[in-house]
Amino acid sequence: RPSGETVVEDMFKNTGFNTHPRILATADDFERIKKLVKTDELAKKWYESIKDATDKYIQSNVNYASLTASNFDMHKSLNLAFMYKISGEAKYAEEMWKYCNAFALMEEWRPTNTIETASIAAMMGIGYDWCYDYWQTEDMAELIWYNSPELFPINGLAFSVETGVNPSAPDAEYID
């Protein structure tokens, strides 16, 4: 069985792990979508629909302090990150940061419903990955991880101290 260090080393060597974006889509995928939006009528229609819905969401002046795990909406967060990757407009990355940071600041980040927890973790991971370039220039990514005391980053990935396994943790336990 390989050691945790070996697994992490192999992941870096073989997966393009140090590049963003890489979750659900790569930079090449987003470039292809940008071209499709300009040349394909159906893709353009879908893009305009997502843009309109996302712009309305931003204009609604969301009270991020009132967000809870139960009113989390994965579609809104995906749309914000998607619009940033396709349009390059900062407003989408900034709004995505507000959304992620609101959840990072929640006192009870791990509700008893594991599906909600997994959805929020997925949203934060996608937000971090797809908005990485903008957030790095604005020092936003570090604030999200800093504001989540039960999470800590390992090369852009967050592992739960209580429920996840960090291969470099001295007390790491592996479950077969």
N, C-alpha and C. Protein backbone atom coordinates (compact mmCIF):
# COMPACT_ATOMS: atom_id res chain seq x y z
N ARG A 1 0.86 -1.17 0.00
CA ARG A 1 0.00 0.00 0.00
C ARG A 1 0.90 1.24 0.00
N PRO A 2 0.66 2.20 -0.91
CA PRO A 2 1.53 3.38 -0.96
C PRO A 2 1.29 4.29 0.25
N SER A 3 2.33 4.99 0.62
CA SER A 3 2.22 5.94 1.73
C SER A 3 1.42 7.15 1.28
N GLY A 4 0.95 7.92 2.24
CA GLY A 4 0.22 9.15 1.92
C GLY A 4 1.06 10.10 1.10
N GLU A 5 2.34 10.20 1.44
CA GLU A 5 3.25 11.07 0.69
C GLU A 5 3.36 10.62 -0.76
N THR A 6 3.43 9.32 -0.99
CA THR A 6 3.53 8.79 -2.35
C THR A 6 2.26 9.11 -3.13
N VAL A 7 1.11 8.95 -2.52
CA VAL A 7 -0.16 9.25 -3.18
C VAL A 7 -0.20 10.72 -3.61
N VAL A 8 0.17 11.62 -2.70
CA VAL A 8 0.16 13.04 -3.01
C VAL A 8 1.18 13.35 -4.11
N GLU A 9 2.37 12.80 -4.04
CA GLU A 9 3.39 13.02 -5.08
C GLU A 9 2.90 12.54 -6.43
N ASP A 10 2.31 11.35 -6.48
CA ASP A 10 1.79 10.81 -7.73
C ASP A 10 0.67 11.68 -8.29
N MET A 11 -0.17 12.18 -7.39
CA MET A 11 -1.26 13.04 -7.82
C MET A 11 -0.72 14.30 -8.49
N PHE A 12 0.30 14.91 -7.91
CA PHE A 12 0.91 16.10 -8.49
C PHE A 12 1.55 15.80 -9.84
N LYS A 13 2.24 14.68 -9.94
CA LYS A 13 2.96 14.34 -11.17
C LYS A 13 2.03 13.99 -12.32
N ASN A 14 0.93 13.30 -12.02
CA ASN A 14 0.14 12.67 -13.07
C ASN A 14 -1.19 13.33 -13.41
N THR A 15 -1.58 14.35 -12.68
CA THR A 15 -2.93 14.86 -12.89
C THR A 15 -3.02 16.33 -13.28
N GLY A 16 -1.92 17.03 -13.42
CA GLY A 16 -2.02 18.45 -13.67
C GLY A 16 -2.58 19.16 -12.45
N PHE A 17 -2.27 18.59 -11.29
CA PHE A 17 -2.87 19.04 -10.04
C PHE A 17 -2.56 20.50 -9.70
N ASN A 18 -1.48 21.04 -10.24
CA ASN A 18 -1.11 22.42 -9.93
C ASN A 18 -1.72 23.42 -10.90
N THR A 19 -2.67 22.99 -11.70
CA THR A 19 -3.30 23.91 -12.66
C THR A 19 -4.74 24.17 -12.26
N HIS A 20 -5.22 25.33 -12.63
CA HIS A 20 -6.62 25.70 -12.42
C HIS A 20 -7.14 26.27 -13.73
N PRO A 21 -8.39 25.98 -14.08
CA PRO A 21 -9.33 25.09 -13.41
C PRO A 21 -9.04 23.63 -13.77
N ARG A 22 -9.57 22.76 -12.92
CA ARG A 22 -9.42 21.32 -13.16
C ARG A 22 -10.63 20.53 -12.67
N ILE A 23 -11.53 21.14 -11.91
CA ILE A 23 -12.70 20.43 -11.41
C ILE A 23 -13.84 20.61 -12.42
N LEU A 24 -14.36 19.53 -12.93
CA LEU A 24 -15.44 19.47 -13.91
C LEU A 24 -15.04 19.96 -15.30
N ALA A 25 -14.10 20.90 -15.38
CA ALA A 25 -13.69 21.44 -16.68
C ALA A 25 -12.28 21.99 -16.57
N THR A 26 -11.58 21.97 -17.69
CA THR A 26 -10.22 22.52 -17.74
C THR A 26 -10.24 23.84 -18.49
N ALA A 27 -9.09 24.50 -18.53
CA ALA A 27 -8.98 25.75 -19.28
C ALA A 27 -9.34 25.52 -20.74
N ASP A 28 -8.93 24.39 -21.30
CA ASP A 28 -9.27 24.07 -22.70
C ASP A 28 -10.78 23.94 -22.88
N ASP A 29 -11.45 23.33 -21.92
CA ASP A 29 -12.92 23.21 -21.99
C ASP A 29 -13.58 24.58 -22.01
N PHE A 30 -13.11 25.47 -21.14
CA PHE A 30 -13.70 26.80 -21.09
C PHE A 30 -13.41 27.59 -22.37
N GLU A 31 -12.24 27.42 -22.94
CA GLU A 31 -11.92 28.08 -24.22
C GLU A 31 -12.85 27.58 -25.32
N ARG A 32 -13.11 26.27 -25.34
CA ARG A 32 -14.02 25.69 -26.33
C ARG A 32 -15.43 26.25 -26.16
N ILE A 33 -15.87 26.40 -24.91
CA ILE A 33 -17.21 26.94 -24.65
C ILE A 33 -17.28 28.41 -25.09
N LYS A 34 -16.23 29.17 -24.83
CA LYS A 34 -16.20 30.59 -25.27
C LYS A 34 -16.38 30.69 -26.78
N LYS A 35 -15.71 29.80 -27.52
CA LYS A 35 -15.84 29.80 -28.98
C LYS A 35 -17.24 29.37 -29.40
N LEU A 36 -17.77 28.35 -28.73
CA LEU A 36 -19.13 27.88 -29.06
C LEU A 36 -20.17 28.97 -28.87
N VAL A 37 -20.03 29.73 -27.80
CA VAL A 37 -20.99 30.79 -27.50
C VAL A 37 -21.02 31.84 -28.63
N LYS A 38 -19.91 31.99 -29.30
CA LYS A 38 -19.82 32.96 -30.40
C LYS A 38 -20.30 32.39 -31.73
N THR A 39 -20.21 31.07 -31.89
CA THR A 39 -20.48 30.47 -33.20
C THR A 39 -21.73 29.61 -33.27
N ASP A 40 -22.19 29.10 -32.16
CA ASP A 40 -23.33 28.18 -32.14
C ASP A 40 -24.54 28.87 -31.53
N GLU A 41 -25.63 28.90 -32.26
CA GLU A 41 -26.84 29.61 -31.80
C GLU A 41 -27.42 29.02 -30.52
N LEU A 42 -27.45 27.71 -30.40
CA LEU A 42 -28.00 27.09 -29.20
C LEU A 42 -27.10 27.39 -27.99
N ALA A 43 -25.80 27.28 -28.16
CA ALA A 43 -24.87 27.59 -27.07
C ALA A 43 -25.02 29.06 -26.65
N LYS A 44 -25.18 29.93 -27.62
CA LYS A 44 -25.35 31.35 -27.33
C LYS A 44 -26.65 31.58 -26.55
N LYS A 45 -27.70 30.89 -26.93
CA LYS A 45 -28.99 31.01 -26.23
C LYS A 45 -28.86 30.54 -24.79
N TRP A 46 -28.21 29.40 -24.58
CA TRP A 46 -28.01 28.88 -23.22
C TRP A 46 -27.17 29.84 -22.39
N TYR A 47 -26.11 30.35 -23.00
CA TYR A 47 -25.23 31.29 -22.31
C TYR A 47 -26.02 32.53 -21.88
N GLU A 48 -26.80 33.09 -22.78
CA GLU A 48 -27.59 34.29 -22.45
C GLU A 48 -28.59 34.01 -21.34
N SER A 49 -29.16 32.82 -21.33
CA SER A 49 -30.11 32.43 -20.28
C SER A 49 -29.40 32.37 -18.92
N ILE A 50 -28.23 31.74 -18.89
CA ILE A 50 -27.46 31.65 -17.64
C ILE A 50 -27.02 33.04 -17.20
N LYS A 51 -26.58 33.86 -18.15
CA LYS A 51 -26.13 35.22 -17.84
C LYS A 51 -27.27 36.05 -17.25
N ASP A 52 -28.43 35.99 -17.89
CA ASP A 52 -29.59 36.75 -17.39
C ASP A 52 -29.95 36.33 -15.96
N ALA A 53 -30.03 35.02 -15.71
CA ALA A 53 -30.38 34.52 -14.37
C ALA A 53 -29.32 34.93 -13.35
N THR A 54 -28.07 34.85 -13.73
CA THR A 54 -26.98 35.17 -12.80
C THR A 54 -26.94 36.67 -12.52
N ASP A 55 -27.15 37.48 -13.54
CA ASP A 55 -27.18 38.94 -13.33
C ASP A 55 -28.34 39.34 -12.42
N LYS A 56 -29.49 38.70 -12.60
CA LYS A 56 -30.64 38.99 -11.71
C LYS A 56 -30.31 38.61 -10.27
N TYR A 57 -29.62 37.49 -10.11
CA TYR A 57 -29.23 37.05 -8.78
C TYR A 57 -28.31 38.08 -8.12
N ILE A 58 -27.34 38.57 -8.86
CA ILE A 58 -26.42 39.58 -8.32
C ILE A 58 -27.18 40.87 -7.98
N GLN A 59 -28.09 41.26 -8.86
CA GLN A 59 -28.85 42.50 -8.65
C GLN A 59 -29.83 42.39 -7.49
N SER A 60 -30.12 41.18 -7.04
CA SER A 60 -31.08 41.02 -5.95
C SER A 60 -30.49 41.39 -4.60
N ASN A 61 -29.20 41.75 -4.57
CA ASN A 61 -28.52 42.14 -3.33
C ASN A 61 -28.74 41.11 -2.23
N VAL A 62 -28.21 39.94 -2.45
CA VAL A 62 -28.36 38.82 -1.51
C VAL A 62 -27.80 39.21 -0.15
N ASN A 63 -28.55 38.87 0.89
CA ASN A 63 -28.06 39.07 2.26
C ASN A 63 -27.28 37.82 2.63
N TYR A 64 -25.98 37.86 2.38
CA TYR A 64 -25.16 36.67 2.60
C TYR A 64 -25.09 36.28 4.07
N ALA A 65 -25.30 37.21 4.95
CA ALA A 65 -25.27 36.89 6.38
C ALA A 65 -26.42 35.96 6.77
N SER A 66 -27.48 35.93 5.96
CA SER A 66 -28.64 35.10 6.29
C SER A 66 -28.58 33.71 5.65
N LEU A 67 -27.53 33.42 4.89
CA LEU A 67 -27.44 32.11 4.25
C LEU A 67 -27.23 31.02 5.30
N THR A 68 -27.85 29.90 5.06
CA THR A 68 -27.66 28.72 5.90
C THR A 68 -27.48 27.53 4.98
N ALA A 69 -27.11 26.42 5.55
CA ALA A 69 -26.94 25.21 4.75
C ALA A 69 -28.25 24.82 4.07
N SER A 70 -29.37 25.13 4.69
CA SER A 70 -30.65 24.72 4.12
C SER A 70 -31.11 25.61 2.97
N ASN A 71 -30.56 26.84 2.83
CA ASN A 71 -30.97 27.66 1.69
C ASN A 71 -29.84 27.84 0.67
N PHE A 72 -28.86 26.96 0.75
CA PHE A 72 -27.76 26.92 -0.20
C PHE A 72 -28.29 26.51 -1.57
N ASP A 73 -27.78 27.12 -2.64
CA ASP A 73 -28.23 26.80 -3.99
C ASP A 73 -27.02 26.55 -4.89
N MET A 74 -26.76 25.31 -5.20
CA MET A 74 -25.61 24.94 -6.02
C MET A 74 -25.68 25.56 -7.41
N HIS A 75 -26.89 25.68 -7.97
CA HIS A 75 -27.01 26.25 -9.32
C HIS A 75 -26.52 27.69 -9.37
N LYS A 76 -26.88 28.47 -8.36
CA LYS A 76 -26.44 29.87 -8.35
C LYS A 76 -24.93 29.95 -8.26
N SER A 77 -24.34 29.14 -7.42
CA SER A 77 -22.89 29.20 -7.28
C SER A 77 -22.19 28.71 -8.56
N LEU A 78 -22.69 27.65 -9.16
CA LEU A 78 -22.10 27.18 -10.42
C LEU A 78 -22.23 28.23 -11.51
N ASN A 79 -23.39 28.88 -11.57
CA ASN A 79 -23.59 29.91 -12.58
C ASN A 79 -22.64 31.08 -12.38
N LEU A 80 -22.43 31.49 -11.13
CA LEU A 80 -21.49 32.59 -10.87
C LEU A 80 -20.09 32.23 -11.34
N ALA A 81 -19.61 31.07 -10.97
CA ALA A 81 -18.26 30.65 -11.37
C ALA A 81 -18.17 30.44 -12.88
N PHE A 82 -19.21 29.85 -13.47
CA PHE A 82 -19.24 29.64 -14.92
C PHE A 82 -19.19 30.97 -15.66
N MET A 83 -19.99 31.91 -15.22
CA MET A 83 -20.02 33.22 -15.90
C MET A 83 -18.67 33.92 -15.79
N TYR A 84 -18.00 33.76 -14.66
CA TYR A 84 -16.67 34.36 -14.55
C TYR A 84 -15.73 33.71 -15.57
N LYS A 85 -15.72 32.37 -15.65
CA LYS A 85 -14.80 31.69 -16.55
C LYS A 85 -15.07 32.03 -18.01
N ILE A 86 -16.33 32.21 -18.39
CA ILE A 86 -16.65 32.45 -19.80
C ILE A 86 -16.55 33.94 -20.14
N SER A 87 -17.06 34.81 -19.29
CA SER A 87 -17.05 36.25 -19.61
C SER A 87 -15.78 36.96 -19.16
N GLY A 88 -15.15 36.44 -18.10
CA GLY A 88 -13.99 37.11 -17.54
C GLY A 88 -14.33 38.33 -16.70
N GLU A 89 -15.62 38.56 -16.48
CA GLU A 89 -16.05 39.73 -15.72
C GLU A 89 -15.84 39.49 -14.23
N ALA A 90 -15.16 40.43 -13.61
CA ALA A 90 -14.81 40.33 -12.19
C ALA A 90 -16.04 40.24 -11.29
N LYS A 91 -17.14 40.84 -11.69
CA LYS A 91 -18.32 40.86 -10.81
C LYS A 91 -18.78 39.45 -10.44
N TYR A 92 -18.59 38.51 -11.34
CA TYR A 92 -19.02 37.14 -11.05
C TYR A 92 -18.09 36.47 -10.04
N ALA A 93 -16.80 36.65 -10.19
CA ALA A 93 -15.83 36.07 -9.23
C ALA A 93 -16.00 36.72 -7.86
N GLU A 94 -16.27 38.02 -7.84
CA GLU A 94 -16.46 38.72 -6.56
C GLU A 94 -17.71 38.24 -5.86
N GLU A 95 -18.77 38.03 -6.61
CA GLU A 95 -20.01 37.53 -6.01
C GLU A 95 -19.84 36.09 -5.54
N MET A 96 -19.11 35.30 -6.31
CA MET A 96 -18.83 33.92 -5.90
C MET A 96 -18.03 33.92 -4.60
N TRP A 97 -17.10 34.84 -4.48
CA TRP A 97 -16.32 34.95 -3.25
C TRP A 97 -17.24 35.26 -2.07
N LYS A 98 -18.18 36.19 -2.25
CA LYS A 98 -19.12 36.52 -1.17
C LYS A 98 -19.91 35.28 -0.75
N TYR A 99 -20.34 34.51 -1.75
CA TYR A 99 -21.13 33.31 -1.50
C TYR A 99 -20.31 32.28 -0.72
N CYS A 100 -19.10 31.99 -1.21
CA CYS A 100 -18.24 31.02 -0.52
C CYS A 100 -17.86 31.51 0.87
N ASN A 101 -17.52 32.77 0.98
CA ASN A 101 -17.09 33.29 2.26
C ASN A 101 -18.22 33.27 3.29
N ALA A 102 -19.44 33.48 2.84
CA ALA A 102 -20.58 33.41 3.76
C ALA A 102 -20.66 32.03 4.40
N PHE A 103 -20.44 30.99 3.61
CA PHE A 103 -20.47 29.63 4.16
C PHE A 103 -19.23 29.35 4.99
N ALA A 104 -18.10 29.92 4.60
CA ALA A 104 -16.88 29.71 5.38
C ALA A 104 -17.01 30.32 6.77
N LEU A 105 -17.79 31.38 6.88
CA LEU A 105 -17.96 32.07 8.17
C LEU A 105 -19.06 31.46 9.04
N MET A 106 -19.82 30.52 8.49
CA MET A 106 -20.90 29.91 9.27
C MET A 106 -20.34 29.21 10.49
N GLU A 107 -20.99 29.41 11.63
CA GLU A 107 -20.53 28.73 12.85
C GLU A 107 -20.72 27.22 12.75
N GLU A 108 -21.83 26.81 12.21
CA GLU A 108 -22.12 25.39 12.08
C GLU A 108 -21.99 25.03 10.61
N TRP A 109 -20.76 24.85 10.15
CA TRP A 109 -20.51 24.57 8.74
C TRP A 109 -20.88 23.14 8.38
N ARG A 110 -20.85 22.26 9.34
CA ARG A 110 -21.15 20.86 9.07
C ARG A 110 -22.51 20.50 9.67
N PRO A 111 -23.58 20.77 8.92
CA PRO A 111 -24.88 20.38 9.45
C PRO A 111 -24.98 18.85 9.55
N THR A 112 -26.00 18.38 10.23
CA THR A 112 -26.15 16.93 10.39
C THR A 112 -26.49 16.25 9.07
N ASN A 113 -26.97 16.99 8.11
CA ASN A 113 -27.30 16.44 6.82
C ASN A 113 -26.03 16.38 5.96
N THR A 114 -25.51 15.19 5.75
CA THR A 114 -24.25 15.07 5.02
C THR A 114 -24.36 15.47 3.55
N ILE A 115 -25.55 15.39 2.99
CA ILE A 115 -25.73 15.82 1.60
C ILE A 115 -25.55 17.34 1.50
N GLU A 116 -26.10 18.08 2.46
CA GLU A 116 -25.89 19.53 2.47
C GLU A 116 -24.40 19.85 2.62
N THR A 117 -23.74 19.16 3.52
CA THR A 117 -22.32 19.38 3.76
C THR A 117 -21.52 19.11 2.49
N ALA A 118 -21.81 18.00 1.83
CA ALA A 118 -21.10 17.65 0.60
C ALA A 118 -21.36 18.68 -0.50
N SER A 119 -22.59 19.16 -0.59
CA SER A 119 -22.93 20.16 -1.60
C SER A 119 -22.17 21.46 -1.37
N ILE A 120 -22.11 21.88 -0.13
CA ILE A 120 -21.39 23.12 0.20
C ILE A 120 -19.89 22.93 -0.07
N ALA A 121 -19.37 21.79 0.31
CA ALA A 121 -17.94 21.53 0.06
C ALA A 121 -17.65 21.52 -1.44
N ALA A 122 -18.54 20.94 -2.22
CA ALA A 122 -18.37 20.93 -3.68
C ALA A 122 -18.40 22.35 -4.23
N MET A 123 -19.36 23.14 -3.76
CA MET A 123 -19.46 24.52 -4.22
C MET A 123 -18.20 25.30 -3.89
N MET A 124 -17.69 25.13 -2.69
CA MET A 124 -16.48 25.86 -2.31
C MET A 124 -15.28 25.40 -3.13
N GLY A 125 -15.21 24.12 -3.41
CA GLY A 125 -14.11 23.61 -4.23
C GLY A 125 -14.18 24.13 -5.65
N ILE A 126 -15.36 24.12 -6.24
CA ILE A 126 -15.53 24.63 -7.60
C ILE A 126 -15.26 26.13 -7.64
N GLY A 127 -15.79 26.86 -6.66
CA GLY A 127 -15.54 28.30 -6.60
C GLY A 127 -14.05 28.59 -6.51
N TYR A 128 -13.37 27.87 -5.64
CA TYR A 128 -11.94 28.05 -5.46
C TYR A 128 -11.20 27.75 -6.77
N ASP A 129 -11.56 26.66 -7.41
CA ASP A 129 -10.88 26.23 -8.63
C ASP A 129 -11.17 27.16 -9.80
N TRP A 130 -12.43 27.46 -10.07
CA TRP A 130 -12.78 28.23 -11.25
C TRP A 130 -12.46 29.72 -11.10
N CYS A 131 -12.46 30.23 -9.89
CA CYS A 131 -12.16 31.65 -9.68
C CYS A 131 -10.74 31.86 -9.16
N TYR A 132 -9.97 30.82 -9.14
CA TYR A 132 -8.63 30.83 -8.56
C TYR A 132 -7.77 31.99 -9.06
N ASP A 133 -7.72 32.18 -10.37
CA ASP A 133 -6.85 33.23 -10.91
C ASP A 133 -7.25 34.61 -10.42
N TYR A 134 -8.55 34.89 -10.37
CA TYR A 134 -9.00 36.20 -9.89
C TYR A 134 -8.81 36.32 -8.38
N TRP A 135 -9.17 35.29 -7.66
CA TRP A 135 -9.05 35.34 -6.20
C TRP A 135 -7.61 35.47 -5.75
N GLN A 136 -6.69 34.88 -6.48
CA GLN A 136 -5.28 35.00 -6.11
C GLN A 136 -4.80 36.44 -6.24
N THR A 137 -5.28 37.12 -7.27
CA THR A 137 -4.86 38.52 -7.44
C THR A 137 -5.49 39.41 -6.37
N GLU A 138 -6.57 38.99 -5.82
CA GLU A 138 -7.28 39.78 -4.81
C GLU A 138 -7.09 39.23 -3.40
N ASP A 139 -6.27 38.21 -3.23
CA ASP A 139 -6.03 37.58 -1.94
C ASP A 139 -7.32 37.08 -1.28
N MET A 140 -8.28 36.72 -2.10
CA MET A 140 -9.57 36.28 -1.58
C MET A 140 -9.55 34.81 -1.18
N ALA A 141 -8.88 33.98 -1.96
CA ALA A 141 -8.90 32.54 -1.70
C ALA A 141 -8.38 32.24 -0.30
N GLU A 142 -7.32 32.89 0.09
CA GLU A 142 -6.74 32.64 1.41
C GLU A 142 -7.72 33.00 2.52
N LEU A 143 -8.51 34.06 2.32
CA LEU A 143 -9.47 34.47 3.34
C LEU A 143 -10.54 33.41 3.57
N ILE A 144 -10.99 32.77 2.51
CA ILE A 144 -12.01 31.74 2.68
C ILE A 144 -11.48 30.62 3.55
N TRP A 145 -10.28 30.13 3.25
CA TRP A 145 -9.74 29.03 4.03
C TRP A 145 -9.41 29.48 5.46
N TYR A 146 -8.93 30.70 5.60
CA TYR A 146 -8.61 31.22 6.92
C TYR A 146 -9.85 31.32 7.79
N ASN A 147 -10.98 31.68 7.18
CA ASN A 147 -12.22 31.86 7.93
C ASN A 147 -12.94 30.56 8.24
N SER A 148 -12.43 29.45 7.78
CA SER A 148 -13.02 28.14 8.07
C SER A 148 -12.12 27.40 9.03
N PRO A 149 -12.31 27.56 10.34
CA PRO A 149 -11.38 26.95 11.29
C PRO A 149 -11.35 25.43 11.23
N GLU A 150 -12.40 24.78 10.79
CA GLU A 150 -12.39 23.33 10.76
C GLU A 150 -11.79 22.79 9.46
N LEU A 151 -11.39 23.68 8.58
CA LEU A 151 -10.78 23.27 7.32
C LEU A 151 -9.38 23.86 7.23
N PHE A 152 -8.53 23.20 6.53
CA PHE A 152 -7.24 23.79 6.25
C PHE A 152 -6.81 23.35 4.86
N PRO A 153 -6.09 24.22 4.14
CA PRO A 153 -5.75 23.89 2.74
C PRO A 153 -4.48 23.06 2.63
N ILE A 154 -4.52 22.14 1.71
CA ILE A 154 -3.31 21.42 1.32
C ILE A 154 -3.25 21.57 -0.19
N ASN A 155 -2.42 22.48 -0.64
CA ASN A 155 -2.27 22.73 -2.07
C ASN A 155 -3.61 22.94 -2.75
N GLY A 156 -4.48 23.72 -2.12
CA GLY A 156 -5.76 24.05 -2.71
C GLY A 156 -6.89 23.11 -2.35
N LEU A 157 -6.60 22.01 -1.70
CA LEU A 157 -7.66 21.10 -1.29
C LEU A 157 -7.92 21.28 0.19
N ALA A 158 -9.15 21.18 0.58
CA ALA A 158 -9.46 21.28 2.01
C ALA A 158 -9.83 19.90 2.53
N PHE A 159 -9.24 19.54 3.64
CA PHE A 159 -9.55 18.28 4.30
C PHE A 159 -10.15 18.62 5.66
N SER A 160 -11.24 17.97 6.02
CA SER A 160 -11.84 18.19 7.31
C SER A 160 -10.96 17.59 8.39
N VAL A 161 -10.68 18.38 9.40
CA VAL A 161 -9.84 17.90 10.49
C VAL A 161 -10.52 16.75 11.23
N GLU A 162 -11.83 16.83 11.37
CA GLU A 162 -12.54 15.82 12.15
C GLU A 162 -12.97 14.61 11.33
N THR A 163 -13.28 14.82 10.05
CA THR A 163 -13.85 13.71 9.29
C THR A 163 -13.02 13.25 8.11
N GLY A 164 -12.08 14.05 7.66
CA GLY A 164 -11.29 13.67 6.50
C GLY A 164 -9.93 13.16 6.91
N VAL A 165 -9.21 12.71 5.95
CA VAL A 165 -7.86 12.22 6.20
C VAL A 165 -6.88 13.14 5.50
N ASN A 166 -5.96 13.66 6.24
CA ASN A 166 -4.87 14.45 5.71
C ASN A 166 -3.65 13.55 5.75
N PRO A 167 -3.11 13.20 4.59
CA PRO A 167 -1.99 12.26 4.59
C PRO A 167 -0.78 12.73 5.40
N SER A 168 -0.64 14.02 5.61
CA SER A 168 0.52 14.50 6.35
C SER A 168 0.25 14.69 7.84
N ALA A 169 -0.99 14.44 8.26
CA ALA A 169 -1.32 14.61 9.68
C ALA A 169 -0.69 13.48 10.49
N PRO A 170 -0.14 13.80 11.66
CA PRO A 170 0.54 12.77 12.45
C PRO A 170 -0.39 11.67 12.92
N ASP A 171 -1.68 11.97 13.11
CA ASP A 171 -2.62 10.97 13.61
C ASP A 171 -3.54 10.44 12.51
N ALA A 172 -3.12 10.56 11.25
CA ALA A 172 -3.98 10.14 10.14
C ALA A 172 -4.31 8.66 10.25
N GLU A 173 -5.58 8.34 10.04
CA GLU A 173 -6.02 6.95 10.06
C GLU A 173 -6.65 6.67 8.70
N TYR A 174 -6.31 5.55 8.12
CA TYR A 174 -6.86 5.17 6.84
C TYR A 174 -7.86 4.05 7.03
N ILE A 175 -8.94 4.16 6.32
CA ILE A 175 -9.98 3.14 6.41
C ILE A 175 -10.01 2.38 5.11
N ASP A 176 -9.91 1.07 5.19
CA ASP A 176 -9.93 0.24 3.97
C ASP A 176 -11.34 0.07 3.47
